[in-house]
N, C-alpha and C. Protein backbone atom coordinates (compact mmCIF):
# COMPACT_ATOMS: atom_id res chain seq x y z
N MET A 1 5.38 -1.90 -12.92
CA MET A 1 5.87 -0.95 -11.95
C MET A 1 7.39 -0.98 -11.98
N ARG A 2 7.98 0.16 -11.76
CA ARG A 2 9.44 0.28 -11.68
C ARG A 2 9.73 1.25 -10.55
N PHE A 3 10.53 0.80 -9.61
CA PHE A 3 10.81 1.61 -8.42
C PHE A 3 12.26 2.06 -8.39
N ILE A 4 12.47 3.30 -7.97
CA ILE A 4 13.78 3.92 -7.89
C ILE A 4 14.02 4.30 -6.43
N PRO A 5 15.23 4.05 -5.91
CA PRO A 5 15.49 4.36 -4.50
C PRO A 5 15.26 5.83 -4.15
N GLU A 6 14.95 6.04 -2.87
CA GLU A 6 14.76 7.36 -2.29
C GLU A 6 13.58 8.11 -2.89
N ASN A 7 12.50 7.39 -3.09
CA ASN A 7 11.27 7.99 -3.58
C ASN A 7 10.08 7.44 -2.81
N PHE A 8 9.02 8.21 -2.82
CA PHE A 8 7.74 7.80 -2.24
C PHE A 8 6.82 7.38 -3.37
N TYR A 9 6.05 6.33 -3.14
CA TYR A 9 5.11 5.83 -4.15
C TYR A 9 3.75 5.57 -3.52
N HIS A 10 2.72 5.88 -4.27
CA HIS A 10 1.35 5.51 -3.93
C HIS A 10 1.02 4.31 -4.81
N ILE A 11 0.74 3.18 -4.19
CA ILE A 11 0.48 1.93 -4.93
C ILE A 11 -0.95 1.51 -4.64
N TYR A 12 -1.68 1.16 -5.68
CA TYR A 12 -3.09 0.82 -5.50
C TYR A 12 -3.58 -0.11 -6.60
N ASN A 13 -4.62 -0.84 -6.27
CA ASN A 13 -5.29 -1.72 -7.23
C ASN A 13 -6.68 -1.97 -6.69
N GLU A 14 -7.52 -2.56 -7.53
CA GLU A 14 -8.90 -2.84 -7.12
C GLU A 14 -9.33 -4.19 -7.66
N GLY A 15 -10.46 -4.65 -7.18
CA GLY A 15 -11.02 -5.90 -7.67
C GLY A 15 -11.39 -5.78 -9.12
N ASN A 16 -11.18 -6.87 -9.85
CA ASN A 16 -11.56 -6.91 -11.26
C ASN A 16 -13.05 -6.59 -11.36
N ASN A 17 -13.42 -5.67 -12.24
CA ASN A 17 -14.81 -5.21 -12.36
C ASN A 17 -15.33 -4.64 -11.05
N LYS A 18 -14.43 -4.11 -10.23
CA LYS A 18 -14.75 -3.50 -8.94
C LYS A 18 -15.39 -4.48 -7.95
N GLN A 19 -15.13 -5.77 -8.16
CA GLN A 19 -15.70 -6.77 -7.26
C GLN A 19 -15.05 -6.70 -5.88
N LEU A 20 -15.74 -7.22 -4.90
CA LEU A 20 -15.23 -7.22 -3.53
C LEU A 20 -13.99 -8.10 -3.43
N LEU A 21 -13.02 -7.61 -2.68
CA LEU A 21 -11.79 -8.36 -2.41
C LEU A 21 -11.81 -8.96 -1.01
N PHE A 22 -12.54 -8.30 -0.12
CA PHE A 22 -12.55 -8.70 1.28
C PHE A 22 -13.99 -8.85 1.75
N PHE A 23 -14.34 -10.05 2.22
CA PHE A 23 -15.69 -10.30 2.72
C PHE A 23 -15.76 -10.22 4.25
N ASP A 24 -14.63 -10.52 4.90
CA ASP A 24 -14.65 -10.57 6.37
C ASP A 24 -13.25 -10.29 6.91
N ASP A 25 -13.14 -10.25 8.23
CA ASP A 25 -11.86 -9.97 8.88
C ASP A 25 -10.78 -10.95 8.47
N LYS A 26 -11.15 -12.20 8.28
CA LYS A 26 -10.18 -13.22 7.88
C LYS A 26 -9.50 -12.83 6.56
N ASN A 27 -10.28 -12.32 5.61
CA ASN A 27 -9.72 -11.88 4.32
C ASN A 27 -8.74 -10.73 4.53
N TYR A 28 -9.13 -9.74 5.31
CA TYR A 28 -8.25 -8.59 5.57
C TYR A 28 -6.94 -9.05 6.23
N HIS A 29 -7.07 -9.90 7.24
CA HIS A 29 -5.88 -10.41 7.94
C HIS A 29 -4.96 -11.18 6.98
N SER A 30 -5.55 -12.00 6.14
CA SER A 30 -4.77 -12.78 5.18
C SER A 30 -3.97 -11.87 4.25
N PHE A 31 -4.62 -10.81 3.75
CA PHE A 31 -3.95 -9.88 2.84
C PHE A 31 -2.79 -9.18 3.55
N ILE A 32 -3.02 -8.72 4.77
CA ILE A 32 -1.97 -8.04 5.53
C ILE A 32 -0.82 -9.00 5.85
N ASP A 33 -1.12 -10.24 6.18
CA ASP A 33 -0.07 -11.22 6.44
C ASP A 33 0.80 -11.43 5.20
N LEU A 34 0.18 -11.51 4.03
CA LEU A 34 0.93 -11.68 2.79
C LEU A 34 1.74 -10.42 2.47
N TYR A 35 1.17 -9.24 2.73
CA TYR A 35 1.90 -7.99 2.52
C TYR A 35 3.16 -7.98 3.40
N ASN A 36 2.98 -8.37 4.65
CA ASN A 36 4.12 -8.45 5.58
C ASN A 36 5.21 -9.38 5.06
N ALA A 37 4.81 -10.50 4.50
CA ALA A 37 5.76 -11.50 4.02
C ALA A 37 6.45 -11.09 2.73
N TYR A 38 5.72 -10.50 1.79
CA TYR A 38 6.24 -10.29 0.45
C TYR A 38 6.69 -8.86 0.12
N VAL A 39 6.15 -7.86 0.79
CA VAL A 39 6.48 -6.47 0.43
C VAL A 39 7.30 -5.77 1.51
N VAL A 40 6.92 -5.93 2.76
CA VAL A 40 7.59 -5.22 3.86
C VAL A 40 9.10 -5.38 3.85
N PRO A 41 9.66 -6.56 3.53
CA PRO A 41 11.12 -6.67 3.55
C PRO A 41 11.85 -5.83 2.50
N HIS A 42 11.13 -5.24 1.56
CA HIS A 42 11.77 -4.57 0.43
C HIS A 42 11.61 -3.06 0.37
N CYS A 43 10.85 -2.48 1.31
CA CYS A 43 10.64 -1.03 1.31
C CYS A 43 10.10 -0.62 2.68
N GLU A 44 9.96 0.66 2.87
CA GLU A 44 9.37 1.19 4.11
C GLU A 44 7.93 1.58 3.82
N THR A 45 7.01 1.07 4.61
CA THR A 45 5.61 1.43 4.45
C THR A 45 5.34 2.68 5.28
N ILE A 46 4.73 3.66 4.65
CA ILE A 46 4.38 4.90 5.34
C ILE A 46 2.94 4.81 5.84
N CYS A 47 2.03 4.41 4.97
CA CYS A 47 0.63 4.23 5.39
C CYS A 47 -0.08 3.28 4.44
N TRP A 48 -1.27 2.86 4.84
CA TRP A 48 -2.03 1.91 4.03
C TRP A 48 -3.51 1.97 4.39
N CYS A 49 -4.32 1.47 3.49
CA CYS A 49 -5.76 1.33 3.76
C CYS A 49 -6.30 0.24 2.83
N LEU A 50 -7.02 -0.70 3.44
CA LEU A 50 -7.71 -1.73 2.67
C LEU A 50 -9.20 -1.39 2.68
N MET A 51 -9.77 -1.35 1.51
CA MET A 51 -11.20 -1.08 1.34
C MET A 51 -11.86 -2.37 0.85
N PRO A 52 -13.17 -2.48 0.93
CA PRO A 52 -13.80 -3.74 0.50
C PRO A 52 -13.45 -4.17 -0.92
N ASN A 53 -13.23 -3.21 -1.84
CA ASN A 53 -12.95 -3.61 -3.23
C ASN A 53 -11.64 -3.04 -3.79
N HIS A 54 -10.80 -2.44 -2.94
CA HIS A 54 -9.51 -1.93 -3.42
C HIS A 54 -8.56 -1.69 -2.24
N PHE A 55 -7.32 -1.35 -2.57
CA PHE A 55 -6.34 -1.07 -1.52
C PHE A 55 -5.42 0.07 -1.94
N HIS A 56 -4.80 0.69 -0.93
CA HIS A 56 -3.81 1.75 -1.12
C HIS A 56 -2.64 1.52 -0.17
N PHE A 57 -1.43 1.77 -0.66
CA PHE A 57 -0.23 1.79 0.17
C PHE A 57 0.62 2.97 -0.25
N MET A 58 1.25 3.63 0.73
CA MET A 58 2.29 4.61 0.43
C MET A 58 3.57 4.02 0.98
N VAL A 59 4.57 3.91 0.10
CA VAL A 59 5.85 3.32 0.51
C VAL A 59 7.00 4.26 0.17
N TYR A 60 8.09 4.05 0.87
CA TYR A 60 9.34 4.76 0.59
C TYR A 60 10.36 3.71 0.18
N THR A 61 11.07 3.97 -0.90
CA THR A 61 12.04 3.01 -1.42
C THR A 61 13.46 3.40 -1.01
N ASP A 62 14.30 2.40 -0.89
CA ASP A 62 15.72 2.62 -0.64
C ASP A 62 16.50 1.66 -1.53
N GLU A 63 17.75 1.41 -1.20
CA GLU A 63 18.61 0.58 -2.06
C GLU A 63 18.10 -0.85 -2.20
N ARG A 64 17.24 -1.30 -1.32
CA ARG A 64 16.71 -2.67 -1.43
C ARG A 64 15.95 -2.89 -2.73
N CYS A 65 15.39 -1.83 -3.30
CA CYS A 65 14.59 -2.00 -4.52
C CYS A 65 15.45 -2.20 -5.76
N GLU A 66 16.77 -2.11 -5.62
CA GLU A 66 17.66 -2.29 -6.76
C GLU A 66 18.14 -3.73 -6.93
N LYS A 67 17.76 -4.61 -6.04
CA LYS A 67 18.19 -6.01 -6.11
C LYS A 67 17.19 -6.79 -6.94
N PHE A 68 17.40 -6.82 -8.23
CA PHE A 68 16.46 -7.44 -9.15
C PHE A 68 16.43 -8.95 -8.98
N GLU A 69 15.26 -9.51 -9.21
CA GLU A 69 15.04 -10.95 -9.09
C GLU A 69 14.54 -11.48 -10.43
N LYS A 70 15.05 -12.64 -10.81
CA LYS A 70 14.62 -13.25 -12.07
C LYS A 70 13.35 -14.06 -11.82
N GLN A 71 12.32 -13.76 -12.59
CA GLN A 71 11.06 -14.48 -12.54
C GLN A 71 10.73 -14.93 -13.95
N GLY A 72 10.98 -16.20 -14.23
CA GLY A 72 10.83 -16.67 -15.60
C GLY A 72 11.82 -15.94 -16.48
N GLY A 73 11.35 -15.32 -17.53
CA GLY A 73 12.22 -14.57 -18.43
C GLY A 73 12.33 -13.10 -18.07
N LEU A 74 11.76 -12.70 -16.95
CA LEU A 74 11.75 -11.29 -16.56
C LEU A 74 12.69 -11.02 -15.39
N LEU A 75 13.21 -9.81 -15.34
CA LEU A 75 13.92 -9.32 -14.17
C LEU A 75 13.02 -8.31 -13.48
N LEU A 76 12.64 -8.59 -12.24
CA LEU A 76 11.73 -7.72 -11.51
C LEU A 76 12.42 -7.15 -10.28
N ASP A 77 12.12 -5.88 -9.99
CA ASP A 77 12.61 -5.35 -8.73
C ASP A 77 11.82 -6.03 -7.61
N PRO A 78 12.35 -6.09 -6.40
CA PRO A 78 11.71 -6.86 -5.34
C PRO A 78 10.35 -6.32 -4.89
N ILE A 79 10.10 -5.03 -5.06
CA ILE A 79 8.79 -4.49 -4.67
C ILE A 79 7.73 -4.94 -5.67
N THR A 80 8.03 -4.82 -6.94
CA THR A 80 7.10 -5.31 -7.97
C THR A 80 6.85 -6.79 -7.79
N ASN A 81 7.92 -7.55 -7.58
CA ASN A 81 7.78 -8.99 -7.38
C ASN A 81 7.01 -9.28 -6.09
N GLY A 82 7.24 -8.47 -5.05
CA GLY A 82 6.50 -8.65 -3.81
C GLY A 82 5.01 -8.45 -4.00
N PHE A 83 4.63 -7.40 -4.73
CA PHE A 83 3.21 -7.18 -5.00
C PHE A 83 2.65 -8.28 -5.90
N ARG A 84 3.44 -8.76 -6.84
CA ARG A 84 3.00 -9.87 -7.68
C ARG A 84 2.68 -11.10 -6.82
N LYS A 85 3.59 -11.42 -5.90
CA LYS A 85 3.38 -12.57 -5.02
C LYS A 85 2.20 -12.34 -4.07
N LEU A 86 2.08 -11.12 -3.55
CA LEU A 86 0.97 -10.77 -2.67
C LEU A 86 -0.37 -10.99 -3.36
N LEU A 87 -0.52 -10.41 -4.55
CA LEU A 87 -1.81 -10.49 -5.24
C LEU A 87 -2.11 -11.89 -5.73
N SER A 88 -1.11 -12.59 -6.26
CA SER A 88 -1.38 -13.95 -6.75
C SER A 88 -1.65 -14.89 -5.57
N GLY A 89 -0.90 -14.73 -4.48
CA GLY A 89 -1.13 -15.56 -3.30
C GLY A 89 -2.49 -15.32 -2.69
N TYR A 90 -2.86 -14.05 -2.57
CA TYR A 90 -4.17 -13.73 -2.01
C TYR A 90 -5.29 -14.24 -2.92
N ALA A 91 -5.16 -14.02 -4.22
CA ALA A 91 -6.19 -14.48 -5.17
C ALA A 91 -6.34 -15.99 -5.12
N HIS A 92 -5.22 -16.70 -5.04
CA HIS A 92 -5.27 -18.17 -4.96
C HIS A 92 -6.06 -18.61 -3.72
N ASN A 93 -5.72 -18.04 -2.56
CA ASN A 93 -6.42 -18.40 -1.31
C ASN A 93 -7.88 -17.99 -1.35
N PHE A 94 -8.14 -16.79 -1.86
CA PHE A 94 -9.51 -16.26 -1.95
C PHE A 94 -10.36 -17.15 -2.86
N ASN A 95 -9.82 -17.48 -4.03
CA ASN A 95 -10.56 -18.32 -4.97
C ASN A 95 -10.85 -19.70 -4.38
N LYS A 96 -9.85 -20.26 -3.73
CA LYS A 96 -10.02 -21.59 -3.14
C LYS A 96 -11.09 -21.57 -2.05
N SER A 97 -11.03 -20.60 -1.17
CA SER A 97 -11.99 -20.57 -0.05
C SER A 97 -13.39 -20.13 -0.50
N ASN A 98 -13.50 -19.49 -1.65
CA ASN A 98 -14.82 -19.06 -2.14
C ASN A 98 -15.30 -19.86 -3.34
N ASN A 99 -14.63 -20.98 -3.60
CA ASN A 99 -15.02 -21.90 -4.67
C ASN A 99 -15.23 -21.15 -6.00
N ARG A 100 -14.21 -20.39 -6.36
CA ARG A 100 -14.28 -19.63 -7.61
C ARG A 100 -12.96 -19.73 -8.35
N THR A 101 -12.96 -19.28 -9.60
CA THR A 101 -11.75 -19.28 -10.42
C THR A 101 -11.65 -17.92 -11.11
N GLY A 102 -10.51 -17.69 -11.72
CA GLY A 102 -10.34 -16.48 -12.51
C GLY A 102 -9.61 -15.38 -11.77
N SER A 103 -9.42 -14.27 -12.48
CA SER A 103 -8.66 -13.17 -11.90
C SER A 103 -9.50 -12.43 -10.86
N LEU A 104 -8.84 -12.02 -9.83
CA LEU A 104 -9.49 -11.30 -8.74
C LEU A 104 -9.20 -9.79 -8.84
N PHE A 105 -7.97 -9.45 -9.21
CA PHE A 105 -7.54 -8.05 -9.27
C PHE A 105 -7.51 -7.55 -10.72
N ARG A 106 -7.56 -6.24 -10.87
CA ARG A 106 -7.33 -5.65 -12.19
C ARG A 106 -5.93 -6.04 -12.63
N PRO A 107 -5.71 -6.18 -13.93
CA PRO A 107 -4.43 -6.70 -14.42
C PRO A 107 -3.20 -5.88 -14.02
N LYS A 108 -3.31 -4.59 -13.92
CA LYS A 108 -2.13 -3.77 -13.63
C LYS A 108 -2.30 -3.06 -12.30
N THR A 109 -1.38 -3.33 -11.38
CA THR A 109 -1.32 -2.57 -10.15
C THR A 109 -0.68 -1.23 -10.49
N LYS A 110 -1.28 -0.16 -10.03
CA LYS A 110 -0.79 1.19 -10.34
C LYS A 110 0.17 1.66 -9.26
N SER A 111 1.18 2.40 -9.70
CA SER A 111 2.08 3.05 -8.74
C SER A 111 2.37 4.45 -9.27
N LYS A 112 2.19 5.41 -8.39
CA LYS A 112 2.48 6.80 -8.75
C LYS A 112 3.63 7.28 -7.88
N CYS A 113 4.69 7.75 -8.53
CA CYS A 113 5.82 8.30 -7.80
C CYS A 113 5.41 9.68 -7.28
N LEU A 114 5.50 9.85 -5.97
CA LEU A 114 5.10 11.11 -5.34
C LEU A 114 6.27 12.08 -5.17
N SER A 115 7.47 11.60 -5.48
CA SER A 115 8.65 12.44 -5.25
C SER A 115 9.63 12.36 -6.40
N SER A 116 9.11 12.30 -7.61
CA SER A 116 9.96 12.21 -8.80
C SER A 116 10.76 13.49 -8.98
N GLU A 117 11.62 13.49 -9.97
CA GLU A 117 12.45 14.68 -10.25
C GLU A 117 11.59 15.92 -10.47
N ASP A 118 10.39 15.75 -11.02
CA ASP A 118 9.50 16.89 -11.23
C ASP A 118 9.19 17.58 -9.90
N TYR A 119 8.99 16.77 -8.85
CA TYR A 119 8.65 17.33 -7.55
C TYR A 119 9.90 17.75 -6.78
N LYS A 120 11.00 17.03 -6.95
CA LYS A 120 12.22 17.35 -6.23
C LYS A 120 12.80 18.70 -6.65
N SER A 121 12.50 19.11 -7.88
CA SER A 121 12.99 20.41 -8.33
C SER A 121 12.21 21.55 -7.66
N LEU A 122 11.07 21.22 -7.10
CA LEU A 122 10.29 22.21 -6.37
C LEU A 122 10.76 22.23 -4.92
N SER A 123 10.15 22.99 -4.10
CA SER A 123 10.60 23.12 -2.72
C SER A 123 10.26 21.88 -1.89
N PHE A 124 11.02 21.68 -0.81
CA PHE A 124 10.74 20.60 0.12
C PHE A 124 9.34 20.77 0.70
N LEU A 125 8.92 22.00 0.93
CA LEU A 125 7.60 22.28 1.47
C LEU A 125 6.51 21.76 0.53
N TYR A 126 6.70 21.95 -0.77
CA TYR A 126 5.74 21.44 -1.74
C TYR A 126 5.67 19.92 -1.66
N LEU A 127 6.83 19.26 -1.63
CA LEU A 127 6.87 17.80 -1.52
C LEU A 127 6.17 17.35 -0.25
N GLN A 128 6.46 18.02 0.85
CA GLN A 128 5.86 17.67 2.14
C GLN A 128 4.34 17.77 2.05
N ASN A 129 3.83 18.85 1.46
CA ASN A 129 2.39 19.03 1.32
C ASN A 129 1.78 17.95 0.42
N TYR A 130 2.47 17.60 -0.64
CA TYR A 130 1.98 16.58 -1.56
C TYR A 130 1.91 15.22 -0.86
N LEU A 131 2.96 14.88 -0.11
CA LEU A 131 2.98 13.61 0.62
C LEU A 131 1.88 13.59 1.69
N LEU A 132 1.71 14.69 2.39
CA LEU A 132 0.68 14.77 3.42
C LEU A 132 -0.71 14.64 2.81
N SER A 133 -0.91 15.23 1.65
CA SER A 133 -2.21 15.11 0.96
C SER A 133 -2.50 13.66 0.61
N CYS A 134 -1.51 12.94 0.13
CA CYS A 134 -1.70 11.53 -0.22
C CYS A 134 -1.95 10.71 1.05
N PHE A 135 -1.21 10.98 2.10
CA PHE A 135 -1.37 10.31 3.40
C PHE A 135 -2.81 10.47 3.89
N GLU A 136 -3.31 11.70 3.84
CA GLU A 136 -4.69 11.96 4.28
C GLU A 136 -5.70 11.34 3.33
N TYR A 137 -5.45 11.40 2.04
CA TYR A 137 -6.34 10.78 1.05
C TYR A 137 -6.50 9.29 1.33
N ILE A 138 -5.39 8.60 1.58
CA ILE A 138 -5.44 7.16 1.84
C ILE A 138 -6.25 6.87 3.09
N HIS A 139 -6.01 7.63 4.16
CA HIS A 139 -6.70 7.37 5.42
C HIS A 139 -8.17 7.80 5.41
N GLN A 140 -8.53 8.74 4.56
CA GLN A 140 -9.92 9.21 4.52
C GLN A 140 -10.80 8.39 3.57
N ASN A 141 -10.24 7.42 2.88
CA ASN A 141 -11.01 6.59 1.95
C ASN A 141 -12.27 6.00 2.57
N PRO A 142 -12.21 5.36 3.74
CA PRO A 142 -13.42 4.77 4.32
C PRO A 142 -14.47 5.81 4.69
N VAL A 143 -14.04 7.00 5.06
CA VAL A 143 -14.98 8.07 5.40
C VAL A 143 -15.68 8.55 4.13
N ARG A 144 -14.89 8.82 3.07
CA ARG A 144 -15.47 9.27 1.81
C ARG A 144 -16.43 8.24 1.22
N ALA A 145 -16.14 6.96 1.46
CA ALA A 145 -16.99 5.89 0.93
C ALA A 145 -18.24 5.66 1.79
N GLY A 146 -18.33 6.36 2.92
CA GLY A 146 -19.49 6.21 3.79
C GLY A 146 -19.47 4.95 4.64
N LEU A 147 -18.30 4.33 4.78
CA LEU A 147 -18.21 3.10 5.59
C LEU A 147 -18.12 3.40 7.08
N VAL A 148 -17.55 4.54 7.42
CA VAL A 148 -17.43 5.00 8.81
C VAL A 148 -17.58 6.50 8.84
N ASP A 149 -17.85 7.04 10.02
CA ASP A 149 -17.96 8.50 10.13
C ASP A 149 -16.63 9.17 10.43
N LYS A 150 -15.67 8.42 11.00
CA LYS A 150 -14.33 8.94 11.29
C LYS A 150 -13.30 7.89 10.91
N ALA A 151 -12.15 8.33 10.43
CA ALA A 151 -11.10 7.41 9.98
C ALA A 151 -10.67 6.45 11.07
N GLU A 152 -10.68 6.89 12.32
CA GLU A 152 -10.25 6.00 13.41
C GLU A 152 -11.22 4.86 13.67
N ASN A 153 -12.39 4.90 13.05
CA ASN A 153 -13.36 3.82 13.20
C ASN A 153 -13.20 2.71 12.16
N TRP A 154 -12.23 2.89 11.24
CA TRP A 154 -11.96 1.87 10.22
C TRP A 154 -10.76 1.04 10.66
N ALA A 155 -10.98 -0.24 10.86
CA ALA A 155 -9.93 -1.13 11.41
C ALA A 155 -8.84 -1.45 10.40
N TRP A 156 -9.10 -1.26 9.11
CA TRP A 156 -8.19 -1.78 8.09
C TRP A 156 -7.38 -0.69 7.42
N SER A 157 -6.76 0.14 8.26
CA SER A 157 -5.82 1.15 7.77
C SER A 157 -4.79 1.42 8.86
N SER A 158 -3.79 2.19 8.52
CA SER A 158 -2.75 2.55 9.48
C SER A 158 -3.13 3.75 10.33
N PHE A 159 -4.31 4.30 10.14
CA PHE A 159 -4.71 5.51 10.86
C PHE A 159 -4.66 5.32 12.37
N CYS A 160 -5.17 4.19 12.87
CA CYS A 160 -5.20 3.94 14.31
C CYS A 160 -3.78 3.82 14.89
N PHE A 161 -2.84 3.34 14.10
CA PHE A 161 -1.45 3.29 14.55
C PHE A 161 -0.94 4.71 14.77
N TYR A 162 -1.20 5.58 13.81
CA TYR A 162 -0.73 6.95 13.92
C TYR A 162 -1.44 7.73 15.02
N LYS A 163 -2.65 7.34 15.37
CA LYS A 163 -3.38 7.99 16.46
C LYS A 163 -3.00 7.40 17.82
N GLY A 164 -2.15 6.35 17.83
CA GLY A 164 -1.70 5.76 19.09
C GLY A 164 -2.59 4.67 19.63
N VAL A 165 -3.65 4.31 18.91
CA VAL A 165 -4.55 3.24 19.36
C VAL A 165 -3.87 1.88 19.24
N HIS A 166 -3.22 1.63 18.12
CA HIS A 166 -2.44 0.40 17.92
C HIS A 166 -0.97 0.74 18.15
N LYS A 167 -0.31 -0.06 18.95
CA LYS A 167 1.09 0.22 19.30
C LYS A 167 2.09 -0.38 18.33
N VAL A 168 1.70 -1.38 17.58
CA VAL A 168 2.61 -2.08 16.68
C VAL A 168 2.10 -1.97 15.25
N SER A 169 3.03 -1.71 14.34
CA SER A 169 2.66 -1.62 12.93
C SER A 169 3.93 -1.80 12.09
N PHE A 170 3.73 -2.15 10.83
CA PHE A 170 4.86 -2.23 9.91
C PHE A 170 5.15 -0.86 9.28
N CYS A 171 4.39 0.17 9.67
CA CYS A 171 4.62 1.51 9.16
C CYS A 171 5.82 2.15 9.83
N ASN A 172 6.55 2.96 9.08
CA ASN A 172 7.72 3.66 9.59
C ASN A 172 7.31 5.08 10.01
N LYS A 173 6.98 5.21 11.29
CA LYS A 173 6.50 6.48 11.83
C LYS A 173 7.57 7.58 11.75
N GLU A 174 8.83 7.21 11.94
CA GLU A 174 9.90 8.21 11.91
C GLU A 174 10.02 8.84 10.52
N LEU A 175 9.96 8.02 9.48
CA LEU A 175 10.00 8.57 8.11
C LEU A 175 8.79 9.44 7.83
N ALA A 176 7.63 9.00 8.29
CA ALA A 176 6.41 9.78 8.09
C ALA A 176 6.54 11.15 8.76
N GLU A 177 7.03 11.15 9.99
CA GLU A 177 7.18 12.42 10.69
C GLU A 177 8.18 13.33 9.99
N LYS A 178 9.29 12.74 9.55
CA LYS A 178 10.34 13.52 8.90
C LYS A 178 9.86 14.17 7.60
N TYR A 179 9.19 13.40 6.76
CA TYR A 179 8.83 13.91 5.44
C TYR A 179 7.46 14.55 5.36
N LEU A 180 6.56 14.20 6.27
CA LEU A 180 5.23 14.80 6.25
C LEU A 180 5.16 16.04 7.13
N GLY A 181 6.17 16.21 7.98
CA GLY A 181 6.24 17.41 8.79
C GLY A 181 5.26 17.46 9.93
N ILE A 182 4.79 16.32 10.39
CA ILE A 182 3.87 16.28 11.52
C ILE A 182 4.40 15.31 12.57
N THR A 183 3.96 15.53 13.79
CA THR A 183 4.34 14.65 14.89
C THR A 183 3.11 13.89 15.33
N PHE A 184 3.30 12.61 15.53
CA PHE A 184 2.17 11.77 15.94
C PHE A 184 2.24 11.46 17.42
């Protein structure tokens, strides 16, 4: 992954061979705690959703993503390094508590730039619609998967924060309102 300031990204990964990543609330909480520790300090989170065998995040980057960190022989931007630490830390804890070994996640975490130069050359309205579509796609994952009948019934996404049910979140509501064109 390579992140450039002032862009929106959809970041996602899944369990290796589509295996379950989260068995219970403790697993979900652990993943979110690690996300808070390793990724939140380096970008703005717009929305997120954890599913039993995969996850989605939409983030906005700023100048913080330009502060490269040396990891072994590599120079990594802090968001990439944050996701590396998140996934390896979670896998280590998960493997230990489930008496297993081996990789938990697919080898490559995917990131799609939602606001690249291709989109910026188009109208702001187009960008806004594209971002809103991704925002809705992320939040509707549990409904499409048949896990709940309404997005607000899924505890492991930012949807309840945006609906006002949860008052505290690491999501940046002001950025979401500004770029998605909706008021929460």
